[in-house]
């Protein structure tokens, strides 16, 4: 077998802006005490997994979550710009419930293809998918086997995991649920030889038993 990689996808822990219901895409806010505890519990749940390497979004909430998961283990941690959260443009930092009646917000929640960035100057779901898939492709070229920790964000991972599992980015919102803070999802990647296409297999999705 040419490649056999297990990707462990983790959403960051709860942040201050999550708690306040503020749009938090390219912006950042610190982990709450609960978010820190969530990250530590995720680390405890994964402490028997021998991670070869870890990649994280460069945003502090993701980096901090990754560090709490890694703890005192000697796991190399690298930042990848393409794993950062979707940019909400002029909505950044605004109170989410104020937009519940905005048609474009309805699309943001329910229809990725119809969601438009024209009025908020944010980032499209298509662009988020293209860069996040690029990050995974680059990681695959660098590694042949083992367990890889990926710490990123809700919108990015929700879409990425769905597409890697065989779906299309355009309909991921209709067919998936939001990922919980520090939820664990696992996808295996196998490639049998250089002339064959690799196969992604979803093995675990949005697992949060460690938070009970």
N, C-alpha and C. Protein backbone atom coordinates (compact mmCIF):
# COMPACT_ATOMS: atom_id res chain seq x y z
N UNK A 1 0.83 -1.20 0.00
CA UNK A 1 0.00 0.00 0.00
C UNK A 1 0.87 1.25 0.00
N UNK A 2 0.54 2.22 -0.85
CA UNK A 2 1.33 3.42 -0.99
C UNK A 2 1.13 4.40 0.17
N UNK A 3 -0.15 4.62 0.55
CA UNK A 3 -0.46 5.55 1.63
C UNK A 3 -1.61 5.04 2.49
N UNK A 4 -1.51 5.27 3.78
CA UNK A 4 -2.58 4.90 4.72
C UNK A 4 -2.52 5.90 5.88
N UNK A 5 -3.36 6.94 5.81
CA UNK A 5 -3.31 8.05 6.76
C UNK A 5 -4.64 8.19 7.48
N UNK A 6 -4.59 8.37 8.78
CA UNK A 6 -5.78 8.66 9.57
C UNK A 6 -5.78 10.14 9.95
N UNK A 7 -6.77 10.86 9.48
CA UNK A 7 -6.93 12.28 9.82
C UNK A 7 -7.90 12.41 10.98
N UNK A 8 -7.44 13.06 12.04
CA UNK A 8 -8.30 13.37 13.19
C UNK A 8 -8.63 14.86 13.13
N UNK A 9 -9.87 15.17 12.75
CA UNK A 9 -10.31 16.55 12.59
C UNK A 9 -11.01 17.02 13.87
N UNK A 10 -10.50 18.11 14.44
CA UNK A 10 -11.05 18.65 15.69
C UNK A 10 -11.42 20.12 15.50
N UNK A 11 -12.64 20.47 15.90
CA UNK A 11 -13.00 21.88 15.93
C UNK A 11 -12.44 22.47 17.23
N UNK A 12 -12.07 23.74 17.21
CA UNK A 12 -11.52 24.40 18.40
C UNK A 12 -12.53 24.43 19.55
N UNK A 13 -12.07 24.72 20.75
CA UNK A 13 -12.93 24.83 21.92
C UNK A 13 -13.78 26.10 21.90
N UNK A 14 -14.73 26.14 22.79
CA UNK A 14 -15.62 27.31 22.88
C UNK A 14 -14.82 28.59 23.14
N UNK A 15 -15.21 29.67 22.46
CA UNK A 15 -14.55 30.96 22.63
C UNK A 15 -15.52 31.98 23.22
N UNK A 16 -14.97 33.14 23.59
CA UNK A 16 -15.79 34.22 24.13
C UNK A 16 -16.85 34.66 23.12
N UNK A 17 -16.46 34.75 21.85
CA UNK A 17 -17.42 35.19 20.83
C UNK A 17 -18.45 34.12 20.51
N UNK A 18 -18.08 32.83 20.65
CA UNK A 18 -19.09 31.77 20.53
C UNK A 18 -20.17 31.98 21.58
N UNK A 19 -19.72 32.26 22.78
CA UNK A 19 -20.63 32.43 23.91
C UNK A 19 -21.52 33.66 23.73
N UNK A 20 -20.97 34.71 23.14
CA UNK A 20 -21.71 35.96 22.95
C UNK A 20 -22.51 35.96 21.64
N UNK A 21 -22.44 34.90 20.87
CA UNK A 21 -23.14 34.78 19.58
C UNK A 21 -22.73 35.87 18.60
N UNK A 22 -21.43 36.04 18.46
CA UNK A 22 -20.90 37.02 17.51
C UNK A 22 -20.27 36.29 16.32
N UNK A 23 -20.39 36.88 15.12
CA UNK A 23 -19.74 36.29 13.96
C UNK A 23 -18.23 36.27 14.20
N UNK A 24 -17.66 35.08 14.08
CA UNK A 24 -16.24 34.91 14.37
C UNK A 24 -15.62 34.06 13.27
N UNK A 25 -15.19 34.72 12.22
CA UNK A 25 -14.56 34.02 11.12
C UNK A 25 -13.08 34.30 11.11
N UNK A 26 -12.70 35.36 10.39
CA UNK A 26 -11.29 35.75 10.36
C UNK A 26 -10.88 36.47 11.63
N UNK A 27 -11.87 36.92 12.41
CA UNK A 27 -11.58 37.54 13.71
C UNK A 27 -11.24 36.44 14.72
N UNK A 28 -10.84 36.85 15.90
CA UNK A 28 -10.47 35.86 16.91
C UNK A 28 -10.90 36.32 18.28
N UNK A 29 -11.10 35.38 19.16
CA UNK A 29 -11.35 35.68 20.56
C UNK A 29 -10.83 34.50 21.37
N UNK A 30 -10.47 34.73 22.62
CA UNK A 30 -9.85 33.65 23.41
C UNK A 30 -10.82 32.54 23.77
N UNK A 31 -10.25 31.38 24.06
CA UNK A 31 -11.05 30.28 24.58
C UNK A 31 -11.62 30.66 25.94
N UNK A 32 -12.85 30.26 26.19
CA UNK A 32 -13.43 30.42 27.52
C UNK A 32 -12.84 29.35 28.43
N UNK A 33 -13.15 29.42 29.72
CA UNK A 33 -12.69 28.37 30.64
C UNK A 33 -13.29 27.03 30.23
N UNK A 34 -14.52 27.07 29.73
CA UNK A 34 -15.14 25.84 29.24
C UNK A 34 -14.42 25.34 28.00
N UNK A 35 -14.03 26.27 27.12
CA UNK A 35 -13.32 25.90 25.91
C UNK A 35 -11.98 25.25 26.21
N UNK A 36 -11.29 25.77 27.21
CA UNK A 36 -10.02 25.19 27.63
C UNK A 36 -10.25 23.78 28.17
N UNK A 37 -11.28 23.64 28.98
CA UNK A 37 -11.60 22.32 29.54
C UNK A 37 -11.98 21.34 28.45
N UNK A 38 -12.74 21.80 27.44
CA UNK A 38 -13.10 20.95 26.31
C UNK A 38 -11.85 20.44 25.59
N UNK A 39 -10.90 21.34 25.37
CA UNK A 39 -9.67 20.97 24.68
C UNK A 39 -8.87 19.96 25.49
N UNK A 40 -8.81 20.16 26.80
CA UNK A 40 -8.09 19.22 27.66
C UNK A 40 -8.75 17.84 27.66
N UNK A 41 -10.10 17.84 27.65
CA UNK A 41 -10.83 16.57 27.62
C UNK A 41 -10.62 15.86 26.29
N UNK A 42 -10.54 16.63 25.20
CA UNK A 42 -10.25 16.03 23.90
C UNK A 42 -8.86 15.42 23.91
N UNK A 43 -7.92 16.13 24.53
CA UNK A 43 -6.56 15.61 24.64
C UNK A 43 -6.52 14.31 25.43
N UNK A 44 -7.32 14.26 26.49
CA UNK A 44 -7.38 13.05 27.31
C UNK A 44 -7.97 11.89 26.51
N UNK A 45 -9.00 12.19 25.71
CA UNK A 45 -9.65 11.16 24.90
C UNK A 45 -8.72 10.62 23.82
N UNK A 46 -7.79 11.46 23.40
CA UNK A 46 -6.88 11.08 22.30
C UNK A 46 -5.47 10.76 22.79
N UNK A 47 -5.29 10.61 24.09
CA UNK A 47 -3.93 10.48 24.62
C UNK A 47 -3.25 9.16 24.24
N UNK A 48 -4.01 8.19 23.77
CA UNK A 48 -3.42 6.92 23.37
C UNK A 48 -3.18 6.84 21.85
N UNK A 49 -3.56 7.90 21.16
CA UNK A 49 -3.32 7.95 19.72
C UNK A 49 -1.92 8.49 19.48
N UNK A 50 -1.13 7.74 18.77
CA UNK A 50 0.24 8.17 18.46
C UNK A 50 0.23 9.07 17.22
N UNK A 51 0.11 10.36 17.46
CA UNK A 51 0.10 11.30 16.35
C UNK A 51 1.52 11.53 15.85
N UNK A 52 1.67 11.48 14.55
CA UNK A 52 2.97 11.73 13.94
C UNK A 52 3.24 13.23 13.82
N UNK A 53 2.16 13.98 13.61
CA UNK A 53 2.30 15.41 13.38
C UNK A 53 0.93 16.07 13.57
N UNK A 54 0.92 17.38 13.79
CA UNK A 54 -0.33 18.11 13.95
C UNK A 54 -0.28 19.36 13.08
N UNK A 55 -1.42 19.68 12.48
CA UNK A 55 -1.57 20.90 11.70
C UNK A 55 -2.76 21.67 12.25
N UNK A 56 -2.62 23.00 12.28
CA UNK A 56 -3.70 23.81 12.81
C UNK A 56 -3.87 25.09 12.00
N UNK A 57 -5.06 25.62 12.06
CA UNK A 57 -5.29 26.97 11.56
C UNK A 57 -4.38 27.91 12.34
N UNK A 58 -3.96 29.02 11.74
CA UNK A 58 -3.09 29.97 12.47
C UNK A 58 -3.84 30.82 13.49
N UNK A 59 -5.17 30.72 13.51
CA UNK A 59 -5.93 31.54 14.46
C UNK A 59 -5.77 31.00 15.88
N UNK A 60 -5.64 31.91 16.82
CA UNK A 60 -5.21 31.56 18.18
C UNK A 60 -6.13 30.54 18.84
N UNK A 61 -7.43 30.64 18.60
CA UNK A 61 -8.36 29.70 19.23
C UNK A 61 -8.08 28.26 18.80
N UNK A 62 -7.63 28.10 17.56
CA UNK A 62 -7.29 26.76 17.06
C UNK A 62 -5.93 26.32 17.56
N UNK A 63 -4.98 27.24 17.54
CA UNK A 63 -3.63 26.92 18.01
C UNK A 63 -3.65 26.52 19.49
N UNK A 64 -4.36 27.30 20.30
CA UNK A 64 -4.45 26.99 21.73
C UNK A 64 -5.11 25.64 21.96
N UNK A 65 -6.17 25.37 21.20
CA UNK A 65 -6.85 24.07 21.33
C UNK A 65 -5.89 22.94 21.00
N UNK A 66 -5.13 23.10 19.93
CA UNK A 66 -4.17 22.06 19.54
C UNK A 66 -3.13 21.83 20.63
N UNK A 67 -2.66 22.92 21.22
CA UNK A 67 -1.64 22.80 22.26
C UNK A 67 -2.18 22.09 23.50
N UNK A 68 -3.43 22.36 23.85
CA UNK A 68 -4.04 21.67 24.99
C UNK A 68 -4.23 20.18 24.68
N UNK A 69 -4.58 19.86 23.44
CA UNK A 69 -4.75 18.46 23.06
C UNK A 69 -3.41 17.73 23.09
N UNK A 70 -2.38 18.37 22.57
CA UNK A 70 -1.05 17.76 22.55
C UNK A 70 -0.46 17.62 23.95
N UNK A 71 -0.70 18.62 24.79
CA UNK A 71 -0.17 18.58 26.15
C UNK A 71 1.35 18.53 26.16
N UNK A 72 1.90 17.61 26.92
CA UNK A 72 3.36 17.51 27.02
C UNK A 72 3.96 16.48 26.07
N UNK A 73 3.16 16.02 25.12
CA UNK A 73 3.66 15.05 24.15
C UNK A 73 4.54 15.74 23.10
N UNK A 74 5.48 15.02 22.59
CA UNK A 74 6.41 15.57 21.60
C UNK A 74 5.84 15.36 20.19
N UNK A 75 4.86 16.21 19.85
CA UNK A 75 4.21 16.13 18.55
C UNK A 75 4.46 17.44 17.80
N UNK A 76 5.13 17.40 16.67
CA UNK A 76 5.39 18.64 15.91
C UNK A 76 4.07 19.31 15.50
N UNK A 77 4.00 20.62 15.66
CA UNK A 77 2.79 21.38 15.35
C UNK A 77 3.11 22.44 14.30
N UNK A 78 2.35 22.40 13.19
CA UNK A 78 2.56 23.36 12.11
C UNK A 78 1.29 24.14 11.82
N UNK A 79 1.45 25.42 11.54
CA UNK A 79 0.31 26.28 11.19
C UNK A 79 0.11 26.28 9.68
N UNK A 80 -1.15 26.21 9.26
CA UNK A 80 -1.47 26.21 7.83
C UNK A 80 -2.56 27.24 7.57
N UNK A 81 -2.24 28.26 6.80
CA UNK A 81 -3.17 29.35 6.51
C UNK A 81 -4.46 28.87 5.86
N UNK A 82 -4.40 27.79 5.11
CA UNK A 82 -5.57 27.32 4.38
C UNK A 82 -6.57 26.61 5.27
N UNK A 83 -6.25 26.43 6.54
CA UNK A 83 -7.16 25.80 7.50
C UNK A 83 -7.92 26.83 8.34
N UNK A 84 -7.72 28.12 8.07
CA UNK A 84 -8.39 29.16 8.85
C UNK A 84 -9.88 29.20 8.52
N UNK A 85 -10.64 29.86 9.38
CA UNK A 85 -12.10 29.89 9.26
C UNK A 85 -12.54 30.79 8.11
N UNK A 86 -13.78 30.57 7.64
CA UNK A 86 -14.38 31.40 6.61
C UNK A 86 -14.41 32.86 7.09
N UNK A 87 -14.20 33.78 6.16
CA UNK A 87 -14.20 35.21 6.48
C UNK A 87 -15.60 35.77 6.24
N UNK A 88 -16.18 36.39 7.27
CA UNK A 88 -17.54 36.90 7.17
C UNK A 88 -17.61 38.37 6.75
N UNK A 89 -16.48 38.94 6.40
CA UNK A 89 -16.47 40.31 5.91
C UNK A 89 -17.01 41.31 6.92
N UNK A 90 -17.97 42.12 6.50
CA UNK A 90 -18.52 43.19 7.34
C UNK A 90 -19.39 42.64 8.47
N UNK A 91 -19.68 41.35 8.45
CA UNK A 91 -20.45 40.75 9.55
C UNK A 91 -19.57 40.40 10.74
N UNK A 92 -18.26 40.41 10.55
CA UNK A 92 -17.35 40.02 11.63
C UNK A 92 -17.64 40.83 12.91
N UNK A 93 -17.79 40.12 14.01
CA UNK A 93 -18.01 40.76 15.30
C UNK A 93 -19.42 41.21 15.56
N UNK A 94 -20.31 41.06 14.57
CA UNK A 94 -21.70 41.47 14.75
C UNK A 94 -22.49 40.38 15.47
N UNK A 95 -23.61 40.80 16.08
CA UNK A 95 -24.47 39.89 16.84
C UNK A 95 -25.28 39.03 15.87
N UNK A 96 -25.05 37.72 15.88
CA UNK A 96 -25.65 36.82 14.90
C UNK A 96 -27.18 36.89 14.86
N UNK A 97 -27.88 36.88 15.99
CA UNK A 97 -29.35 36.91 15.93
C UNK A 97 -29.92 38.13 15.20
N UNK A 98 -29.17 39.20 15.10
CA UNK A 98 -29.65 40.39 14.37
C UNK A 98 -29.83 40.10 12.89
N UNK A 99 -29.25 38.99 12.40
CA UNK A 99 -29.29 38.68 10.97
C UNK A 99 -30.22 37.51 10.64
N UNK A 100 -30.95 37.04 11.63
CA UNK A 100 -31.81 35.88 11.40
C UNK A 100 -32.80 36.08 10.26
N UNK A 101 -33.27 37.31 10.05
CA UNK A 101 -34.25 37.56 8.99
C UNK A 101 -33.60 38.00 7.68
N UNK A 102 -32.30 38.10 7.64
CA UNK A 102 -31.58 38.45 6.41
C UNK A 102 -31.54 37.23 5.50
N UNK A 103 -32.06 37.37 4.27
CA UNK A 103 -32.11 36.23 3.35
C UNK A 103 -30.74 35.63 3.11
N UNK A 104 -29.73 36.47 3.03
CA UNK A 104 -28.39 35.93 2.78
C UNK A 104 -27.87 35.14 3.98
N UNK A 105 -28.28 35.52 5.18
CA UNK A 105 -27.92 34.72 6.36
C UNK A 105 -28.62 33.36 6.31
N UNK A 106 -29.85 33.36 5.85
CA UNK A 106 -30.57 32.09 5.69
C UNK A 106 -29.81 31.17 4.75
N UNK A 107 -29.27 31.75 3.67
CA UNK A 107 -28.45 30.95 2.75
C UNK A 107 -27.15 30.51 3.41
N UNK A 108 -26.56 31.38 4.23
CA UNK A 108 -25.34 31.02 4.96
C UNK A 108 -25.57 29.79 5.83
N UNK A 109 -26.77 29.68 6.35
CA UNK A 109 -27.11 28.56 7.23
C UNK A 109 -27.61 27.33 6.47
N UNK A 110 -28.17 27.55 5.27
CA UNK A 110 -28.90 26.46 4.64
C UNK A 110 -28.55 26.14 3.19
N UNK A 111 -27.88 27.06 2.47
CA UNK A 111 -27.62 26.80 1.06
C UNK A 111 -26.31 27.46 0.64
N UNK A 112 -25.24 26.69 0.65
CA UNK A 112 -23.90 27.23 0.37
C UNK A 112 -23.80 27.81 -1.03
N UNK A 113 -24.51 27.22 -1.98
CA UNK A 113 -24.41 27.68 -3.37
C UNK A 113 -25.07 29.04 -3.56
N UNK A 114 -26.16 29.31 -2.84
CA UNK A 114 -26.88 30.58 -2.99
C UNK A 114 -26.31 31.69 -2.11
N UNK A 115 -25.52 31.32 -1.11
CA UNK A 115 -24.93 32.34 -0.23
C UNK A 115 -24.05 33.28 -1.05
N UNK A 116 -24.28 34.58 -0.89
CA UNK A 116 -23.55 35.58 -1.67
C UNK A 116 -22.68 36.45 -0.75
N UNK A 117 -21.52 36.80 -1.26
CA UNK A 117 -20.62 37.68 -0.50
C UNK A 117 -20.73 39.13 -0.98
N UNK A 118 -21.69 39.40 -1.84
CA UNK A 118 -21.80 40.74 -2.45
C UNK A 118 -22.11 41.83 -1.43
N UNK A 119 -22.93 41.50 -0.42
CA UNK A 119 -23.32 42.55 0.52
C UNK A 119 -22.48 42.61 1.78
N UNK A 120 -21.73 41.57 2.09
CA UNK A 120 -20.89 41.62 3.30
C UNK A 120 -19.40 41.56 2.98
N UNK A 121 -19.06 41.37 1.69
CA UNK A 121 -17.67 41.32 1.24
C UNK A 121 -16.85 40.28 1.99
N UNK A 122 -17.49 39.15 2.23
CA UNK A 122 -16.82 38.05 2.91
C UNK A 122 -16.24 37.04 1.93
N UNK A 123 -16.19 35.80 2.35
CA UNK A 123 -15.58 34.72 1.57
C UNK A 123 -16.62 33.69 1.19
N UNK A 124 -16.55 33.18 -0.02
CA UNK A 124 -17.51 32.18 -0.48
C UNK A 124 -17.17 30.79 0.06
N UNK A 125 -18.18 29.94 0.13
CA UNK A 125 -17.96 28.56 0.54
C UNK A 125 -17.06 27.83 -0.46
N UNK A 126 -17.20 28.19 -1.74
CA UNK A 126 -16.37 27.54 -2.74
C UNK A 126 -14.89 27.82 -2.50
N UNK A 127 -14.58 29.07 -2.16
CA UNK A 127 -13.19 29.41 -1.89
C UNK A 127 -12.68 28.69 -0.64
N UNK A 128 -13.53 28.60 0.38
CA UNK A 128 -13.15 27.88 1.61
C UNK A 128 -12.84 26.43 1.29
N UNK A 129 -13.71 25.83 0.46
CA UNK A 129 -13.46 24.43 0.09
C UNK A 129 -12.16 24.28 -0.67
N UNK A 130 -11.94 25.13 -1.66
CA UNK A 130 -10.74 25.01 -2.50
C UNK A 130 -9.46 25.11 -1.68
N UNK A 131 -9.40 26.04 -0.75
CA UNK A 131 -8.16 26.18 0.03
C UNK A 131 -8.01 25.08 1.08
N UNK A 132 -9.12 24.66 1.69
CA UNK A 132 -9.01 23.60 2.70
C UNK A 132 -8.65 22.26 2.06
N UNK A 133 -9.21 22.00 0.88
CA UNK A 133 -8.85 20.77 0.16
C UNK A 133 -7.39 20.83 -0.28
N UNK A 134 -6.93 22.00 -0.67
CA UNK A 134 -5.53 22.19 -1.03
C UNK A 134 -4.63 21.84 0.16
N UNK A 135 -5.03 22.26 1.36
CA UNK A 135 -4.24 21.94 2.56
C UNK A 135 -4.14 20.44 2.77
N UNK A 136 -5.25 19.73 2.61
CA UNK A 136 -5.24 18.28 2.78
C UNK A 136 -4.39 17.61 1.72
N UNK A 137 -4.51 18.08 0.47
CA UNK A 137 -3.70 17.49 -0.61
C UNK A 137 -2.20 17.66 -0.33
N UNK A 138 -1.83 18.83 0.17
CA UNK A 138 -0.42 19.08 0.47
C UNK A 138 0.07 18.18 1.60
N UNK A 139 -0.79 17.97 2.59
CA UNK A 139 -0.41 17.10 3.70
C UNK A 139 -0.23 15.67 3.21
N UNK A 140 -1.13 15.24 2.33
CA UNK A 140 -1.04 13.87 1.80
C UNK A 140 0.26 13.66 1.01
N UNK A 141 0.70 14.68 0.29
CA UNK A 141 1.94 14.53 -0.48
C UNK A 141 3.16 14.41 0.43
N UNK A 142 3.04 14.93 1.66
CA UNK A 142 4.19 14.92 2.58
C UNK A 142 4.24 13.67 3.46
N UNK A 143 3.14 12.96 3.56
CA UNK A 143 3.07 11.83 4.50
C UNK A 143 2.52 10.59 3.80
N UNK A 144 3.02 9.45 4.21
CA UNK A 144 2.57 8.19 3.62
C UNK A 144 1.67 7.39 4.55
N UNK A 145 1.84 7.57 5.84
CA UNK A 145 1.06 6.78 6.79
C UNK A 145 1.04 7.46 8.15
N UNK A 146 0.24 6.91 9.06
CA UNK A 146 0.22 7.40 10.43
C UNK A 146 -1.03 8.19 10.77
N UNK A 147 -1.01 8.77 11.95
CA UNK A 147 -2.13 9.55 12.47
C UNK A 147 -1.77 11.03 12.47
N UNK A 148 -2.65 11.84 11.89
CA UNK A 148 -2.40 13.27 11.76
C UNK A 148 -3.53 14.04 12.42
N UNK A 149 -3.17 14.94 13.31
CA UNK A 149 -4.15 15.78 14.01
C UNK A 149 -4.35 17.08 13.22
N UNK A 150 -5.62 17.40 12.96
CA UNK A 150 -5.96 18.64 12.26
C UNK A 150 -6.92 19.43 13.14
N UNK A 151 -6.51 20.61 13.59
CA UNK A 151 -7.40 21.46 14.41
C UNK A 151 -7.78 22.69 13.59
N UNK A 152 -9.09 22.85 13.40
CA UNK A 152 -9.56 23.95 12.57
C UNK A 152 -10.88 24.48 13.11
N UNK A 153 -11.82 24.82 12.22
CA UNK A 153 -13.01 25.57 12.61
C UNK A 153 -14.29 24.93 12.09
N UNK A 154 -15.40 25.35 12.65
CA UNK A 154 -16.69 24.73 12.37
C UNK A 154 -17.09 24.74 10.91
N UNK A 155 -17.09 25.92 10.29
CA UNK A 155 -17.53 26.01 8.89
C UNK A 155 -16.58 25.27 7.95
N UNK A 156 -15.29 25.44 8.17
CA UNK A 156 -14.29 24.79 7.33
C UNK A 156 -14.41 23.27 7.40
N UNK A 157 -14.41 22.74 8.62
CA UNK A 157 -14.41 21.29 8.79
C UNK A 157 -15.74 20.65 8.39
N UNK A 158 -16.84 21.33 8.67
CA UNK A 158 -18.15 20.79 8.31
C UNK A 158 -18.21 20.52 6.81
N UNK A 159 -17.75 21.48 6.02
CA UNK A 159 -17.76 21.35 4.57
C UNK A 159 -16.70 20.36 4.08
N UNK A 160 -15.50 20.49 4.61
CA UNK A 160 -14.39 19.65 4.16
C UNK A 160 -14.66 18.17 4.41
N UNK A 161 -15.11 17.83 5.59
CA UNK A 161 -15.38 16.44 5.93
C UNK A 161 -16.47 15.86 5.03
N UNK A 162 -17.50 16.66 4.75
CA UNK A 162 -18.59 16.21 3.89
C UNK A 162 -18.09 15.92 2.48
N UNK A 163 -17.27 16.82 1.93
CA UNK A 163 -16.78 16.63 0.56
C UNK A 163 -15.78 15.47 0.48
N UNK A 164 -14.91 15.36 1.47
CA UNK A 164 -13.96 14.23 1.47
C UNK A 164 -14.71 12.91 1.55
N UNK A 165 -15.90 12.94 2.15
CA UNK A 165 -16.70 11.72 2.30
C UNK A 165 -17.53 11.42 1.07
N UNK A 166 -17.42 12.26 0.04
CA UNK A 166 -18.09 11.97 -1.22
C UNK A 166 -19.16 12.95 -1.63
N UNK A 167 -19.43 13.98 -0.80
CA UNK A 167 -20.47 14.95 -1.13
C UNK A 167 -19.93 16.11 -1.94
N UNK A 168 -20.81 17.06 -2.25
CA UNK A 168 -20.45 18.26 -2.98
C UNK A 168 -20.56 19.47 -2.05
N UNK A 169 -19.64 20.41 -2.20
CA UNK A 169 -19.65 21.56 -1.30
C UNK A 169 -20.97 22.33 -1.40
N UNK A 170 -21.60 22.31 -2.56
CA UNK A 170 -22.82 23.08 -2.76
C UNK A 170 -23.98 22.63 -1.86
N UNK A 171 -24.01 21.35 -1.48
CA UNK A 171 -25.15 20.88 -0.69
C UNK A 171 -24.76 20.39 0.71
N UNK A 172 -23.60 20.81 1.19
CA UNK A 172 -23.17 20.30 2.49
C UNK A 172 -24.03 20.80 3.64
N UNK A 173 -24.56 22.02 3.53
CA UNK A 173 -25.36 22.57 4.63
C UNK A 173 -26.68 21.83 4.79
N UNK A 174 -27.25 21.37 3.68
CA UNK A 174 -28.52 20.65 3.75
C UNK A 174 -28.37 19.25 4.32
N UNK A 175 -27.16 18.71 4.25
CA UNK A 175 -26.97 17.29 4.58
C UNK A 175 -26.08 17.03 5.79
N UNK A 176 -25.72 18.08 6.50
CA UNK A 176 -24.86 17.90 7.68
C UNK A 176 -25.37 18.74 8.84
N UNK A 177 -24.86 18.43 10.01
CA UNK A 177 -25.14 19.23 11.21
C UNK A 177 -23.90 20.02 11.59
N UNK A 178 -24.08 21.07 12.37
CA UNK A 178 -22.95 21.85 12.84
C UNK A 178 -22.06 20.99 13.73
N UNK A 179 -20.76 21.19 13.64
CA UNK A 179 -19.83 20.45 14.48
C UNK A 179 -19.72 21.12 15.84
N UNK A 180 -19.72 20.32 16.88
CA UNK A 180 -19.61 20.83 18.24
C UNK A 180 -18.16 21.22 18.54
N UNK A 181 -17.99 22.13 19.49
CA UNK A 181 -16.64 22.51 19.92
C UNK A 181 -15.87 21.29 20.43
N UNK A 182 -14.69 21.10 19.92
CA UNK A 182 -13.76 19.98 20.19
C UNK A 182 -14.34 18.61 19.84
N UNK A 183 -15.35 18.59 18.98
CA UNK A 183 -15.83 17.29 18.50
C UNK A 183 -14.72 16.62 17.69
N UNK A 184 -14.75 15.30 17.66
CA UNK A 184 -13.73 14.51 16.97
C UNK A 184 -14.35 13.82 15.77
N UNK A 185 -13.74 14.01 14.62
CA UNK A 185 -14.14 13.31 13.39
C UNK A 185 -12.90 12.66 12.80
N UNK A 186 -13.05 11.45 12.29
CA UNK A 186 -11.91 10.71 11.76
C UNK A 186 -12.18 10.28 10.33
N UNK A 187 -11.23 10.56 9.45
CA UNK A 187 -11.30 10.11 8.07
C UNK A 187 -10.00 9.38 7.73
N UNK A 188 -10.15 8.19 7.15
CA UNK A 188 -8.98 7.43 6.71
C UNK A 188 -8.76 7.67 5.22
N UNK A 189 -7.50 7.83 4.86
CA UNK A 189 -7.13 7.98 3.45
C UNK A 189 -6.22 6.84 3.04
N UNK A 190 -6.62 6.12 1.98
CA UNK A 190 -5.80 5.02 1.46
C UNK A 190 -5.52 5.25 -0.02
N UNK A 191 -4.30 4.99 -0.41
CA UNK A 191 -3.91 5.01 -1.82
C UNK A 191 -3.01 3.80 -2.05
N UNK A 192 -3.43 2.91 -2.92
CA UNK A 192 -2.74 1.63 -3.05
C UNK A 192 -1.50 1.70 -3.94
N UNK A 193 -1.50 2.59 -4.91
CA UNK A 193 -0.30 2.79 -5.72
C UNK A 193 -0.36 4.17 -6.35
N UNK A 194 0.74 4.59 -6.91
CA UNK A 194 0.84 5.94 -7.45
C UNK A 194 -0.09 6.19 -8.63
N UNK A 195 -0.52 5.11 -9.29
CA UNK A 195 -1.37 5.25 -10.47
C UNK A 195 -2.86 5.19 -10.15
N UNK A 196 -3.21 5.01 -8.86
CA UNK A 196 -4.62 4.93 -8.47
C UNK A 196 -5.02 6.16 -7.69
N UNK A 197 -6.31 6.45 -7.73
CA UNK A 197 -6.83 7.56 -6.93
C UNK A 197 -6.97 7.13 -5.49
N UNK A 198 -6.68 8.05 -4.57
CA UNK A 198 -6.84 7.74 -3.16
C UNK A 198 -8.30 7.67 -2.78
N UNK A 199 -8.59 6.98 -1.68
CA UNK A 199 -9.96 6.82 -1.20
C UNK A 199 -10.09 7.34 0.23
N UNK A 200 -11.02 8.28 0.44
CA UNK A 200 -11.31 8.78 1.78
C UNK A 200 -12.49 8.01 2.35
N UNK A 201 -12.37 7.59 3.61
CA UNK A 201 -13.46 6.86 4.28
C UNK A 201 -13.75 7.50 5.63
N UNK A 202 -14.98 7.95 5.81
CA UNK A 202 -15.39 8.55 7.08
C UNK A 202 -15.57 7.46 8.12
N UNK A 203 -14.86 7.57 9.25
CA UNK A 203 -14.94 6.55 10.29
C UNK A 203 -15.61 7.04 11.56
N UNK A 204 -15.59 8.36 11.77
CA UNK A 204 -16.23 8.92 12.97
C UNK A 204 -16.60 10.37 12.67
N UNK A 205 -17.79 10.80 13.12
CA UNK A 205 -18.24 12.14 12.82
C UNK A 205 -18.81 12.83 14.05
N UNK A 206 -18.26 14.02 14.35
CA UNK A 206 -18.82 14.89 15.40
C UNK A 206 -18.96 14.16 16.75
N UNK A 207 -17.97 13.33 17.06
CA UNK A 207 -17.99 12.58 18.31
C UNK A 207 -17.68 13.50 19.48
N UNK A 208 -18.53 13.50 20.48
CA UNK A 208 -18.33 14.38 21.63
C UNK A 208 -18.54 13.69 22.97
N UNK A 209 -18.37 12.36 22.98
CA UNK A 209 -18.55 11.62 24.22
C UNK A 209 -17.59 12.07 25.31
N UNK A 210 -16.42 12.59 24.93
CA UNK A 210 -15.44 13.01 25.92
C UNK A 210 -15.90 14.23 26.71
N UNK A 211 -16.96 14.90 26.25
CA UNK A 211 -17.44 16.10 26.93
C UNK A 211 -18.54 15.80 27.95
N UNK A 212 -18.96 14.55 28.02
CA UNK A 212 -20.04 14.19 28.95
C UNK A 212 -19.53 14.14 30.38
